[in-house]
Amino acid sequence: MTDDSSSEMVATEAPLSRPTMVEVFTRQSVINLAVYTFLALHAVAFDQLLPIFLHTPRQVHTPANTSLPFKFSGGYGLDSSRIGTIYTMYGICGCLIQFLIFPPVARKYGVLNCFKACGLAFPVLCFVTPYTALIENPVTQQIALLIIMVFRSFATIFAFPCSIILLTNSAASLRVLGTLNGFAVSISALGRASGPAMSGAAFSWGLETGYVITAYYLLGFIAIIGAIPIWYLVESEGFSKTGDESEDDGEDEEHENELPRNIHANGEPSSHRRHSHTIKSESEDDEIARLESRMSSPIGIRGGSVGPGGPRKLSNGLAASNMGQGTGGTSFT
């Protein structure tokens, strides 16, 4: 191997510089992390608490043990078989929402608008749920529960993908995306662990004292706190393949088409490769573009515009929009 080819390989395989904390934790990234943590906290806690509430024995409400609007207790008194049937219907409904309703709605109204609507829905659902225990007719009670669960399914299924898309778009470049996602998983794990612990203790205390609303009111207030930062989010345009927003799609395609001509299938340098001085002058952005040429394209990147602002080059283009507006041109305020 000649000296030129050796220097060629060294220059090509040079690792990218490590992202700094300043690059990872931008203002929008920090807000997104906080929102995602609160979302994981109250969403997981609610799902953990609901089957316990359904299995709790019913209470005969009398003036001695009931003082509305806050003091009452009891649950649904359902057995495990009926709870399993209800959750089966809940799962089927969730699949339909995930695959048939979420994509067109997110495209029309935009990811940020949908996320804001979910932020308003979560507290209301938490506050309303315990009052279904006051319904005396079991059939009417379970119908009311199914209605709440359907709305809950809409809110949950819309909120988590929207949060992930906004978090991804807040990354400054592909180089920091992996680190940002790692922090998101680690920090949200704190919410997933603490949420069920807090709500479980509050539910037990509420049953003992006759205030079954305690746990659900706790989750409702947590959902309100978690919804406040959503209104400070900005739907970013994502980041380009090369990190340079000024580069057009034609230059990106040139990078993509460059690789097959320069490298054989066995990975050895081709006789038609450029001179070593050209390879040495490649920047980190060129290395990122070459890496992404091997990656599959997320929805909406290629094949034309998805949102009014044009296709995003790297972020999920499922609900591409401009500043919180979807393709329908409406804005949620």
C-alpha atoms as a PDB file:
ATOM      1  CA  MET A   1       0.000   0.000   0.000  1.00  0.00           C
ATOM      2  CA  THR A   2       1.453   3.398  -0.979  1.00  0.00           C
ATOM      3  CA  ASP A   3       1.855   6.372   1.322  1.00  0.00           C
ATOM      4  CA  ASP A   4      -0.941   8.212  -0.479  1.00  0.00           C
ATOM      5  CA  SER A   5      -3.414   5.351   0.008  1.00  0.00           C
ATOM      6  CA  SER A   6      -2.436   5.008   3.703  1.00  0.00           C
ATOM      7  CA  SER A   7      -3.036   8.658   4.373  1.00  0.00           C
ATOM      8  CA  GLU A   8      -6.263   8.304   2.409  1.00  0.00           C
ATOM      9  CA  MET A   9      -7.601   5.608   4.745  1.00  0.00           C
ATOM     10  CA  VAL A  10      -6.502   7.500   7.879  1.00  0.00           C
ATOM     11  CA  ALA A  11      -8.271  10.642   6.746  1.00  0.00           C
ATOM     12  CA  THR A  12     -11.429   8.731   5.840  1.00  0.00           C
ATOM     13  CA  GLU A  13     -11.648   6.800   9.118  1.00  0.00           C
ATOM     14  CA  ALA A  14     -10.985   9.764  11.408  1.00  0.00           C
ATOM     15  CA  PRO A  15     -13.653   9.758  14.167  1.00  0.00           C
ATOM     16  CA  LEU A  16     -16.028  12.661  14.647  1.00  0.00           C
ATOM     17  CA  SER A  17     -15.384  14.974  17.562  1.00  0.00           C
ATOM     18  CA  ARG A  18     -17.324  14.311  20.733  1.00  0.00           C
ATOM     19  CA  PRO A  19     -20.360  16.605  21.227  1.00  0.00           C
ATOM     20  CA  THR A  20     -20.179  19.035  24.123  1.00  0.00           C
ATOM     21  CA  MET A  21     -22.912  19.465  26.722  1.00  0.00           C
ATOM     22  CA  VAL A  22     -23.599  22.957  25.387  1.00  0.00           C
ATOM     23  CA  GLU A  23     -24.358  21.469  21.977  1.00  0.00           C
ATOM     24  CA  VAL A  24     -26.597  18.768  23.430  1.00  0.00           C
ATOM     25  CA  PHE A  25     -28.547  20.802  25.983  1.00  0.00           C
ATOM     26  CA  THR A  26     -29.924  23.681  23.975  1.00  0.00           C
ATOM     27  CA  ARG A  27     -32.908  25.598  25.346  1.00  0.00           C
ATOM     28  CA  GLN A  28     -35.423  23.690  23.226  1.00  0.00           C
ATOM     29  CA  SER A  29     -33.791  20.352  24.020  1.00  0.00           C
ATOM     30  CA  VAL A  30     -34.016  20.998  27.763  1.00  0.00           C
ATOM     31  CA  ILE A  31     -37.694  21.962  27.504  1.00  0.00           C
ATOM     32  CA  ASN A  32     -38.416  18.847  25.447  1.00  0.00           C
ATOM     33  CA  LEU A  33     -36.635  16.638  27.977  1.00  0.00           C
ATOM     34  CA  ALA A  34     -38.665  18.121  30.834  1.00  0.00           C
ATOM     35  CA  VAL A  35     -41.941  17.646  28.952  1.00  0.00           C
ATOM     36  CA  TYR A  36     -41.068  14.066  28.026  1.00  0.00           C
ATOM     37  CA  THR A  37     -40.162  13.226  31.636  1.00  0.00           C
ATOM     38  CA  PHE A  38     -43.448  14.553  33.041  1.00  0.00           C
ATOM     39  CA  LEU A  39     -45.360  12.792  30.262  1.00  0.00           C
ATOM     40  CA  ALA A  40     -43.739   9.464  31.087  1.00  0.00           C
ATOM     41  CA  LEU A  41     -44.388  10.003  34.802  1.00  0.00           C
ATOM     42  CA  HIS A  42     -48.143  10.584  34.748  1.00  0.00           C
ATOM     43  CA  ALA A  43     -48.928   8.402  31.715  1.00  0.00           C
ATOM     44  CA  VAL A  44     -47.269   5.284  33.129  1.00  0.00           C
ATOM     45  CA  ALA A  45     -48.688   5.945  36.605  1.00  0.00           C
ATOM     46  CA  PHE A  46     -52.233   6.275  35.243  1.00  0.00           C
ATOM     47  CA  ASP A  47     -51.962   3.023  33.297  1.00  0.00           C
ATOM     48  CA  GLN A  48     -50.614   1.235  36.375  1.00  0.00           C
ATOM     49  CA  LEU A  49     -53.347   2.618  38.621  1.00  0.00           C
ATOM     50  CA  LEU A  50     -56.395   1.980  36.432  1.00  0.00           C
ATOM     51  CA  PRO A  51     -56.636  -1.846  36.749  1.00  0.00           C
ATOM     52  CA  ILE A  52     -56.266  -1.514  40.550  1.00  0.00           C
ATOM     53  CA  PHE A  53     -59.107   0.995  40.560  1.00  0.00           C
ATOM     54  CA  LEU A  54     -61.257  -1.348  38.448  1.00  0.00           C
ATOM     55  CA  HIS A  55     -60.641  -4.250  40.837  1.00  0.00           C
ATOM     56  CA  THR A  56     -61.342  -2.248  44.003  1.00  0.00           C
ATOM     57  CA  PRO A  57     -64.719  -3.296  45.508  1.00  0.00           C
ATOM     58  CA  ARG A  58     -67.686  -1.009  45.012  1.00  0.00           C
ATOM     59  CA  GLN A  59     -68.878   1.117  47.899  1.00  0.00           C
ATOM     60  CA  VAL A  60     -72.472   1.792  48.896  1.00  0.00           C
ATOM     61  CA  HIS A  61     -72.503   5.570  49.073  1.00  0.00           C
ATOM     62  CA  THR A  62     -74.262   7.045  52.076  1.00  0.00           C
ATOM     63  CA  PRO A  63     -74.182  10.484  53.711  1.00  0.00           C
ATOM     64  CA  ALA A  64     -71.839   9.012  56.311  1.00  0.00           C
ATOM     65  CA  ASN A  65     -69.096   7.980  53.857  1.00  0.00           C
ATOM     66  CA  THR A  66     -69.747  10.356  50.962  1.00  0.00           C
ATOM     67  CA  SER A  67     -69.399  14.114  50.897  1.00  0.00           C
ATOM     68  CA  LEU A  68     -69.142  15.442  47.349  1.00  0.00           C
ATOM     69  CA  PRO A  69     -67.212  16.682  45.536  1.00  0.00           C
ATOM     70  CA  PHE A  70     -64.140  15.215  47.210  1.00  0.00           C
ATOM     71  CA  LYS A  71     -64.951  12.616  49.833  1.00  0.00           C
ATOM     72  CA  PHE A  72     -66.025   9.241  48.444  1.00  0.00           C
ATOM     73  CA  SER A  73     -64.375   5.888  47.916  1.00  0.00           C
ATOM     74  CA  GLY A  74     -64.781   2.559  46.157  1.00  0.00           C
ATOM     75  CA  GLY A  75     -64.061   1.287  42.662  1.00  0.00           C
ATOM     76  CA  TYR A  76     -65.724  -0.913  40.059  1.00  0.00           C
ATOM     77  CA  GLY A  77     -65.493  -4.309  41.716  1.00  0.00           C
ATOM     78  CA  LEU A  78     -64.621  -6.088  38.443  1.00  0.00           C
ATOM     79  CA  ASP A  79     -62.933  -9.469  38.254  1.00  0.00           C
ATOM     80  CA  SER A  80     -59.766 -10.112  36.271  1.00  0.00           C
ATOM     81  CA  SER A  81     -61.658 -11.600  33.322  1.00  0.00           C
ATOM     82  CA  ARG A  82     -63.774  -8.495  32.774  1.00  0.00           C
ATOM     83  CA  ILE A  83     -60.748  -6.217  33.226  1.00  0.00           C
ATOM     84  CA  GLY A  84     -58.893  -8.268  30.596  1.00  0.00           C
ATOM     85  CA  THR A  85     -61.817  -7.885  28.178  1.00  0.00           C
ATOM     86  CA  ILE A  86     -61.871  -4.126  28.696  1.00  0.00           C
ATOM     87  CA  TYR A  87     -58.135  -3.879  28.074  1.00  0.00           C
ATOM     88  CA  THR A  88     -58.455  -6.014  24.934  1.00  0.00           C
ATOM     89  CA  MET A  89     -60.955  -3.519  23.529  1.00  0.00           C
ATOM     90  CA  TYR A  90     -58.654  -0.729  24.647  1.00  0.00           C
ATOM     91  CA  GLY A  91     -55.737  -2.294  22.765  1.00  0.00           C
ATOM     92  CA  ILE A  92     -57.725  -2.743  19.547  1.00  0.00           C
ATOM     93  CA  CYS A  93     -58.850   0.860  19.734  1.00  0.00           C
ATOM     94  CA  GLY A  94     -55.265   1.964  20.261  1.00  0.00           C
ATOM     95  CA  CYS A  95     -54.075   0.103  17.165  1.00  0.00           C
ATOM     96  CA  LEU A  96     -56.731   1.763  15.013  1.00  0.00           C
ATOM     97  CA  ILE A  97     -55.806   5.192  16.344  1.00  0.00           C
ATOM     98  CA  GLN A  98     -52.081   4.584  15.872  1.00  0.00           C
ATOM     99  CA  PHE A  99     -52.235   3.403  12.264  1.00  0.00           C
ATOM    100  CA  LEU A 100     -55.337   5.069  10.822  1.00  0.00           C
ATOM    101  CA  ILE A 101     -55.982   8.313  12.689  1.00  0.00           C
ATOM    102  CA  PHE A 102     -52.674   9.653  13.981  1.00  0.00           C
ATOM    103  CA  PRO A 103     -50.810  10.042  10.623  1.00  0.00           C
ATOM    104  CA  PRO A 104     -53.428  12.136   8.745  1.00  0.00           C
ATOM    105  CA  VAL A 105     -54.308  14.238  11.801  1.00  0.00           C
ATOM    106  CA  ALA A 106     -50.636  14.985  12.531  1.00  0.00           C
ATOM    107  CA  ARG A 107     -50.067  15.938   8.894  1.00  0.00           C
ATOM    108  CA  LYS A 108     -53.076  18.251   8.859  1.00  0.00           C
ATOM    109  CA  TYR A 109     -52.645  20.077  12.158  1.00  0.00           C
ATOM    110  CA  GLY A 110     -48.942  19.670  12.888  1.00  0.00           C
ATOM    111  CA  VAL A 111     -47.069  17.868  15.623  1.00  0.00           C
ATOM    112  CA  LEU A 112     -46.905  20.801  18.041  1.00  0.00           C
ATOM    113  CA  ASN A 113     -50.619  21.554  17.809  1.00  0.00           C
ATOM    114  CA  CYS A 114     -51.504  17.923  18.498  1.00  0.00           C
ATOM    115  CA  PHE A 115     -49.130  17.866  21.453  1.00  0.00           C
ATOM    116  CA  LYS A 116     -50.739  20.985  22.930  1.00  0.00           C
ATOM    117  CA  ALA A 117     -54.174  19.398  22.652  1.00  0.00           C
ATOM    118  CA  CYS A 118     -52.885  16.304  24.475  1.00  0.00           C
ATOM    119  CA  GLY A 119     -51.395  18.494  27.181  1.00  0.00           C
ATOM    120  CA  LEU A 120     -54.856  19.960  27.837  1.00  0.00           C
ATOM    121  CA  ALA A 121     -56.597  16.579  27.725  1.00  0.00           C
ATOM    122  CA  PHE A 122     -54.453  14.706  30.266  1.00  0.00           C
ATOM    123  CA  PRO A 123     -55.416  16.742  33.382  1.00  0.00           C
ATOM    124  CA  VAL A 124     -59.114  16.650  32.510  1.00  0.00           C
ATOM    125  CA  LEU A 125     -59.073  12.866  32.112  1.00  0.00           C
ATOM    126  CA  CYS A 126     -57.232  12.433  35.416  1.00  0.00           C
ATOM    127  CA  PHE A 127     -59.722  14.582  37.309  1.00  0.00           C
ATOM    128  CA  VAL A 128     -62.808  12.951  35.752  1.00  0.00           C
ATOM    129  CA  THR A 129     -61.833   9.267  36.100  1.00  0.00           C
ATOM    130  CA  PRO A 130     -62.453   8.716  39.857  1.00  0.00           C
ATOM    131  CA  TYR A 131     -65.971  10.184  39.662  1.00  0.00           C
ATOM    132  CA  THR A 132     -67.114   7.251  37.522  1.00  0.00           C
ATOM    133  CA  ALA A 133     -67.103   5.241  40.770  1.00  0.00           C
ATOM    134  CA  LEU A 134     -70.220   7.193  41.781  1.00  0.00           C
ATOM    135  CA  ILE A 135     -72.285   5.704  38.921  1.00  0.00           C
ATOM    136  CA  GLU A 136     -74.574   3.078  40.417  1.00  0.00           C
ATOM    137  CA  ASN A 137     -75.518   1.187  37.252  1.00  0.00           C
ATOM    138  CA  PRO A 138     -72.643  -1.206  36.357  1.00  0.00           C
ATOM    139  CA  VAL A 139     -73.344  -1.095  32.602  1.00  0.00           C
ATOM    140  CA  THR A 140     -73.479   2.694  32.506  1.00  0.00           C
ATOM    141  CA  GLN A 141     -70.370   2.803  34.658  1.00  0.00           C
ATOM    142  CA  GLN A 142     -68.375   0.609  32.281  1.00  0.00           C
ATOM    143  CA  ILE A 143     -69.578   2.545  29.226  1.00  0.00           C
ATOM    144  CA  ALA A 144     -68.388   5.758  30.875  1.00  0.00           C
ATOM    145  CA  LEU A 145     -65.067   4.082  31.590  1.00  0.00           C
ATOM    146  CA  LEU A 146     -64.665   2.977  27.956  1.00  0.00           C
ATOM    147  CA  ILE A 147     -65.336   6.520  26.759  1.00  0.00           C
ATOM    148  CA  ILE A 148     -62.621   7.833  29.086  1.00  0.00           C
ATOM    149  CA  MET A 149     -60.221   5.113  27.956  1.00  0.00           C
ATOM    150  CA  VAL A 150     -60.820   5.949  24.278  1.00  0.00           C
ATOM    151  CA  PHE A 151     -59.998   9.616  24.889  1.00  0.00           C
ATOM    152  CA  ARG A 152     -57.044   8.526  26.986  1.00  0.00           C
ATOM    153  CA  SER A 153     -55.855   6.323  24.115  1.00  0.00           C
ATOM    154  CA  PHE A 154     -56.028   9.283  21.728  1.00  0.00           C
ATOM    155  CA  ALA A 155     -54.040  11.484  24.105  1.00  0.00           C
ATOM    156  CA  THR A 156     -51.366   8.886  24.878  1.00  0.00           C
ATOM    157  CA  ILE A 157     -50.870   7.665  21.319  1.00  0.00           C
ATOM    158  CA  PHE A 158     -50.602  11.213  20.003  1.00  0.00           C
ATOM    159  CA  ALA A 159     -48.455  12.583  22.833  1.00  0.00           C
ATOM    160  CA  PHE A 160     -45.508  10.172  22.818  1.00  0.00           C
ATOM    161  CA  PRO A 161     -44.733  10.265  19.047  1.00  0.00           C
ATOM    162  CA  CYS A 162     -45.202  14.040  18.990  1.00  0.00           C
ATOM    163  CA  SER A 163     -42.838  14.427  21.923  1.00  0.00           C
ATOM    164  CA  ILE A 164     -40.190  12.243  20.284  1.00  0.00           C
ATOM    165  CA  ILE A 165     -40.458  14.103  16.963  1.00  0.00           C
ATOM    166  CA  LEU A 166     -40.108  17.488  18.669  1.00  0.00           C
ATOM    167  CA  LEU A 167     -37.164  16.218  20.717  1.00  0.00           C
ATOM    168  CA  THR A 168     -35.436  14.897  17.597  1.00  0.00           C
ATOM    169  CA  ASN A 169     -35.985  18.172  15.756  1.00  0.00           C
ATOM    170  CA  SER A 170     -34.480  20.121  18.661  1.00  0.00           C
ATOM    171  CA  ALA A 171     -31.093  18.442  18.151  1.00  0.00           C
ATOM    172  CA  ALA A 172     -28.519  20.749  16.603  1.00  0.00           C
ATOM    173  CA  SER A 173     -27.039  18.049  14.357  1.00  0.00           C
ATOM    174  CA  LEU A 174     -26.859  14.326  13.794  1.00  0.00           C
ATOM    175  CA  ARG A 175     -23.669  14.251  15.856  1.00  0.00           C
ATOM    176  CA  VAL A 176     -25.550  15.109  19.085  1.00  0.00           C
ATOM    177  CA  LEU A 177     -28.746  13.158  18.384  1.00  0.00           C
ATOM    178  CA  GLY A 178     -27.547   9.900  19.921  1.00  0.00           C
ATOM    179  CA  THR A 179     -26.382  11.632  23.094  1.00  0.00           C
ATOM    180  CA  LEU A 180     -29.649  13.565  23.348  1.00  0.00           C
ATOM    181  CA  ASN A 181     -31.748  10.418  22.949  1.00  0.00           C
ATOM    182  CA  GLY A 182     -29.639   8.667  25.583  1.00  0.00           C
ATOM    183  CA  PHE A 183     -30.294  11.449  28.082  1.00  0.00           C
ATOM    184  CA  ALA A 184     -34.015  11.374  27.183  1.00  0.00           C
ATOM    185  CA  VAL A 185     -34.280   7.663  27.966  1.00  0.00           C
ATOM    186  CA  SER A 186     -32.310   8.000  31.208  1.00  0.00           C
ATOM    187  CA  ILE A 187     -34.179  11.039  32.530  1.00  0.00           C
ATOM    188  CA  SER A 188     -37.626   9.754  31.541  1.00  0.00           C
ATOM    189  CA  ALA A 189     -36.828   6.489  33.365  1.00  0.00           C
ATOM    190  CA  LEU A 190     -36.897   8.497  36.583  1.00  0.00           C
ATOM    191  CA  GLY A 191     -40.451   9.524  35.798  1.00  0.00           C
ATOM    192  CA  ARG A 192     -41.501   6.001  34.842  1.00  0.00           C
ATOM    193  CA  ALA A 193     -40.157   4.705  38.154  1.00  0.00           C
ATOM    194  CA  SER A 194     -41.347   7.462  40.487  1.00  0.00           C
ATOM    195  CA  GLY A 195     -44.816   7.885  38.962  1.00  0.00           C
ATOM    196  CA  PRO A 196     -46.254   4.454  39.895  1.00  0.00           C
ATOM    197  CA  ALA A 197     -44.603   4.631  43.343  1.00  0.00           C
ATOM    198  CA  MET A 198     -46.188   7.995  44.149  1.00  0.00           C
ATOM    199  CA  SER A 199     -49.611   7.212  42.700  1.00  0.00           C
ATOM    200  CA  GLY A 200     -49.741   3.784  44.366  1.00  0.00           C
ATOM    201  CA  ALA A 201     -49.004   5.232  47.790  1.00  0.00           C
ATOM    202  CA  ALA A 202     -51.539   8.028  47.244  1.00  0.00           C
ATOM    203  CA  PHE A 203     -54.218   5.541  46.138  1.00  0.00           C
ATOM    204  CA  SER A 204     -53.701   3.362  49.217  1.00  0.00           C
ATOM    205  CA  TRP A 205     -53.906   6.377  51.495  1.00  0.00           C
ATOM    206  CA  GLY A 206     -57.048   7.579  49.691  1.00  0.00           C
ATOM    207  CA  LEU A 207     -58.835   4.254  50.164  1.00  0.00           C
ATOM    208  CA  GLU A 208     -58.007   4.227  53.878  1.00  0.00           C
ATOM    209  CA  THR A 209     -59.238   7.765  54.464  1.00  0.00           C
ATOM    210  CA  GLY A 210     -62.207   7.672  52.081  1.00  0.00           C
ATOM    211  CA  TYR A 211     -60.711   9.969  49.411  1.00  0.00           C
ATOM    212  CA  VAL A 212     -60.239   7.791  46.351  1.00  0.00           C
ATOM    213  CA  ILE A 213     -59.638  10.909  44.258  1.00  0.00           C
ATOM    214  CA  THR A 214     -56.254  11.487  45.921  1.00  0.00           C
ATOM    215  CA  ALA A 215     -54.093   9.594  43.428  1.00  0.00           C
ATOM    216  CA  TYR A 216     -55.933  10.888  40.359  1.00  0.00           C
ATOM    217  CA  TYR A 217     -55.814  14.476  41.560  1.00  0.00           C
ATOM    218  CA  LEU A 218     -52.098  14.056  42.171  1.00  0.00           C
ATOM    219  CA  LEU A 219     -51.617  12.842  38.595  1.00  0.00           C
ATOM    220  CA  GLY A 220     -53.844  15.623  37.303  1.00  0.00           C
ATOM    221  CA  PHE A 221     -51.724  18.327  38.946  1.00  0.00           C
ATOM    222  CA  ILE A 222     -48.549  16.662  37.690  1.00  0.00           C
ATOM    223  CA  ALA A 223     -50.049  16.642  34.176  1.00  0.00           C
ATOM    224  CA  ILE A 224     -50.780  20.372  34.492  1.00  0.00           C
ATOM    225  CA  ILE A 225     -47.190  21.079  35.521  1.00  0.00           C
ATOM    226  CA  GLY A 226     -45.933  18.944  32.630  1.00  0.00           C
ATOM    227  CA  ALA A 227     -48.204  20.727  30.153  1.00  0.00           C
ATOM    228  CA  ILE A 228     -46.948  24.229  30.935  1.00  0.00           C
ATOM    229  CA  PRO A 229     -43.560  23.823  29.149  1.00  0.00           C
ATOM    230  CA  ILE A 230     -45.336  22.598  25.996  1.00  0.00           C
ATOM    231  CA  TRP A 231     -46.429  26.171  25.295  1.00  0.00           C
ATOM    232  CA  TYR A 232     -42.773  27.228  25.218  1.00  0.00           C
ATOM    233  CA  LEU A 233     -41.825  24.647  22.615  1.00  0.00           C
ATOM    234  CA  VAL A 234     -40.970  25.673  19.082  1.00  0.00           C
ATOM    235  CA  GLU A 235     -41.319  23.202  16.245  1.00  0.00           C
ATOM    236  CA  SER A 236     -37.859  23.329  14.710  1.00  0.00           C
ATOM    237  CA  GLU A 237     -37.118  22.485  11.124  1.00  0.00           C
ATOM    238  CA  GLY A 238     -34.762  19.703  12.120  1.00  0.00           C
ATOM    239  CA  PHE A 239     -31.202  19.545  10.871  1.00  0.00           C
ATOM    240  CA  SER A 240     -29.792  18.932   7.418  1.00  0.00           C
ATOM    241  CA  LYS A 241     -27.767  15.946   6.348  1.00  0.00           C
ATOM    242  CA  THR A 242     -24.542  17.916   6.106  1.00  0.00           C
ATOM    243  CA  GLY A 243     -25.275  20.327   8.956  1.00  0.00           C
ATOM    244  CA  ASP A 244     -25.296  23.235   6.469  1.00  0.00           C
ATOM    245  CA  GLU A 245     -28.763  24.673   5.955  1.00  0.00           C
ATOM    246  CA  SER A 246     -27.637  26.536   2.853  1.00  0.00           C
ATOM    247  CA  GLU A 247     -26.934  23.387   0.877  1.00  0.00           C
ATOM    248  CA  ASP A 248     -29.665  22.400  -1.518  1.00  0.00           C
ATOM    249  CA  ASP A 249     -31.004  18.961  -2.298  1.00  0.00           C
ATOM    250  CA  GLY A 250     -28.909  18.759  -5.458  1.00  0.00           C
ATOM    251  CA  GLU A 251     -25.706  18.853  -3.456  1.00  0.00           C
ATOM    252  CA  ASP A 252     -27.069  16.184  -1.089  1.00  0.00           C
ATOM    253  CA  GLU A 253     -27.818  13.913  -4.032  1.00  0.00           C
ATOM    254  CA  GLU A 254     -24.275  14.431  -5.287  1.00  0.00           C
ATOM    255  CA  HIS A 255     -22.945  13.113  -1.968  1.00  0.00           C
ATOM    256  CA  GLU A 256     -25.276  10.119  -2.178  1.00  0.00           C
ATOM    257  CA  ASN A 257     -24.265   9.241  -5.713  1.00  0.00           C
ATOM    258  CA  GLU A 258     -20.573   9.683  -4.958  1.00  0.00           C
ATOM    259  CA  LEU A 259     -20.149   6.529  -2.879  1.00  0.00           C
ATOM    260  CA  PRO A 260     -20.876   3.803  -5.458  1.00  0.00           C
ATOM    261  CA  ARG A 261     -18.352   5.306  -7.890  1.00  0.00           C
ATOM    262  CA  ASN A 262     -15.625   5.673  -5.289  1.00  0.00           C
ATOM    263  CA  ILE A 263     -15.730   2.327  -3.469  1.00  0.00           C
ATOM    264  CA  HIS A 264     -15.960  -1.230  -4.715  1.00  0.00           C
ATOM    265  CA  ALA A 265     -18.300  -3.756  -3.065  1.00  0.00           C
ATOM    266  CA  ASN A 266     -15.356  -5.350  -1.261  1.00  0.00           C
ATOM    267  CA  GLY A 267     -14.469  -2.005   0.374  1.00  0.00           C
ATOM    268  CA  GLU A 268     -11.117  -1.568  -1.467  1.00  0.00           C
ATOM    269  CA  PRO A 269     -10.250   1.812  -2.990  1.00  0.00           C
ATOM    270  CA  SER A 270     -11.338   2.134  -6.611  1.00  0.00           C
ATOM    271  CA  SER A 271      -8.960   3.147  -9.357  1.00  0.00           C
ATOM    272  CA  HIS A 272     -11.320   6.014 -10.068  1.00  0.00           C
ATOM    273  CA  ARG A 273     -11.187   7.467  -6.561  1.00  0.00           C
ATOM    274  CA  ARG A 274     -10.208  11.061  -6.197  1.00  0.00           C
ATOM    275  CA  HIS A 275      -6.720  12.081  -5.243  1.00  0.00           C
ATOM    276  CA  SER A 276      -5.666  11.853  -1.628  1.00  0.00           C
ATOM    277  CA  HIS A 277      -5.523  15.619  -1.164  1.00  0.00           C
ATOM    278  CA  THR A 278      -9.261  15.810  -1.961  1.00  0.00           C
ATOM    279  CA  ILE A 279     -10.076  13.112   0.597  1.00  0.00           C
ATOM    280  CA  LYS A 280      -7.959  14.806   3.247  1.00  0.00           C
ATOM    281  CA  SER A 281      -9.914  18.041   2.845  1.00  0.00           C
ATOM    282  CA  GLU A 282     -13.250  16.421   3.684  1.00  0.00           C
ATOM    283  CA  SER A 283     -14.901  17.942   6.759  1.00  0.00           C
ATOM    284  CA  GLU A 284     -16.926  16.237   9.491  1.00  0.00           C
ATOM    285  CA  ASP A 285     -20.101  17.278   7.733  1.00  0.00           C
ATOM    286  CA  ASP A 286     -19.043  15.344   4.629  1.00  0.00           C
ATOM    287  CA  GLU A 287     -18.453  12.278   6.797  1.00  0.00           C
ATOM    288  CA  ILE A 288     -21.939  12.628   8.262  1.00  0.00           C
ATOM    289  CA  ALA A 289     -23.458  12.934   4.794  1.00  0.00           C
ATOM    290  CA  ARG A 290     -21.602   9.834   3.632  1.00  0.00           C
ATOM    291  CA  LEU A 291     -22.869   7.926   6.699  1.00  0.00           C
ATOM    292  CA  GLU A 292     -26.450   8.980   6.087  1.00  0.00           C
ATOM    293  CA  SER A 293     -26.307   7.888   2.472  1.00  0.00           C
ATOM    294  CA  ARG A 294     -26.314   4.326   3.808  1.00  0.00           C
ATOM    295  CA  MET A 295     -29.260   4.993   6.139  1.00  0.00           C
ATOM    296  CA  SER A 296     -32.885   4.420   5.262  1.00  0.00           C
ATOM    297  CA  SER A 297     -34.928   7.566   4.716  1.00  0.00           C
ATOM    298  CA  PRO A 298     -37.509   8.507   7.356  1.00  0.00           C
ATOM    299  CA  ILE A 299     -41.043   9.166   6.234  1.00  0.00           C
ATOM    300  CA  GLY A 300     -41.369  12.307   4.179  1.00  0.00           C
ATOM    301  CA  ILE A 301     -37.700  13.008   3.476  1.00  0.00           C
ATOM    302  CA  ARG A 302     -37.833  12.121  -0.182  1.00  0.00           C
ATOM    303  CA  GLY A 303     -40.532  12.200  -2.757  1.00  0.00           C
ATOM    304  CA  GLY A 304     -41.661  15.798  -2.466  1.00  0.00           C
ATOM    305  CA  SER A 305     -42.867  18.183   0.183  1.00  0.00           C
ATOM    306  CA  VAL A 306     -44.938  17.033   3.126  1.00  0.00           C
ATOM    307  CA  GLY A 307     -45.577  20.280   4.961  1.00  0.00           C
ATOM    308  CA  PRO A 308     -45.925  23.871   3.767  1.00  0.00           C
ATOM    309  CA  GLY A 309     -42.296  24.559   4.559  1.00  0.00           C
ATOM    310  CA  GLY A 310     -40.945  21.794   2.361  1.00  0.00           C
ATOM    311  CA  PRO A 311     -39.531  18.389   3.318  1.00  0.00           C
ATOM    312  CA  ARG A 312     -37.226  18.069   6.287  1.00  0.00           C
ATOM    313  CA  LYS A 313     -33.908  16.556   5.461  1.00  0.00           C
ATOM    314  CA  LEU A 314     -33.420  14.320   8.465  1.00  0.00           C
ATOM    315  CA  SER A 315     -36.217  14.617  11.006  1.00  0.00           C
ATOM    316  CA  ASN A 316     -39.408  12.625  10.661  1.00  0.00           C
ATOM    317  CA  GLY A 317     -41.434  14.352   7.948  1.00  0.00           C
ATOM    318  CA  LEU A 318     -44.669  12.695   9.011  1.00  0.00           C
ATOM    319  CA  ALA A 319     -46.070  15.983  10.249  1.00  0.00           C
ATOM    320  CA  ALA A 320     -43.748  18.567   8.764  1.00  0.00           C
ATOM    321  CA  SER A 321     -45.064  22.009   9.462  1.00  0.00           C
ATOM    322  CA  ASN A 322     -44.023  25.612   9.901  1.00  0.00           C
ATOM    323  CA  MET A 323     -43.887  27.002  13.444  1.00  0.00           C
ATOM    324  CA  GLY A 324     -46.605  24.748  14.803  1.00  0.00           C
ATOM    325  CA  GLN A 325     -48.836  24.880  11.732  1.00  0.00           C
ATOM    326  CA  GLY A 326     -49.867  21.772   9.853  1.00  0.00           C
ATOM    327  CA  THR A 327     -50.482  21.397   6.144  1.00  0.00           C
ATOM    328  CA  GLY A 328     -54.035  22.569   6.667  1.00  0.00           C
ATOM    329  CA  GLY A 329     -52.680  25.971   7.665  1.00  0.00           C
ATOM    330  CA  THR A 330     -54.411  26.101  11.042  1.00  0.00           C
ATOM    331  CA  SER A 331     -52.697  27.010  14.282  1.00  0.00           C
ATOM    332  CA  PHE A 332     -53.645  25.836  17.772  1.00  0.00           C
ATOM    333  CA  THR A 333     -53.454  28.721  20.228  1.00  0.00           C
END
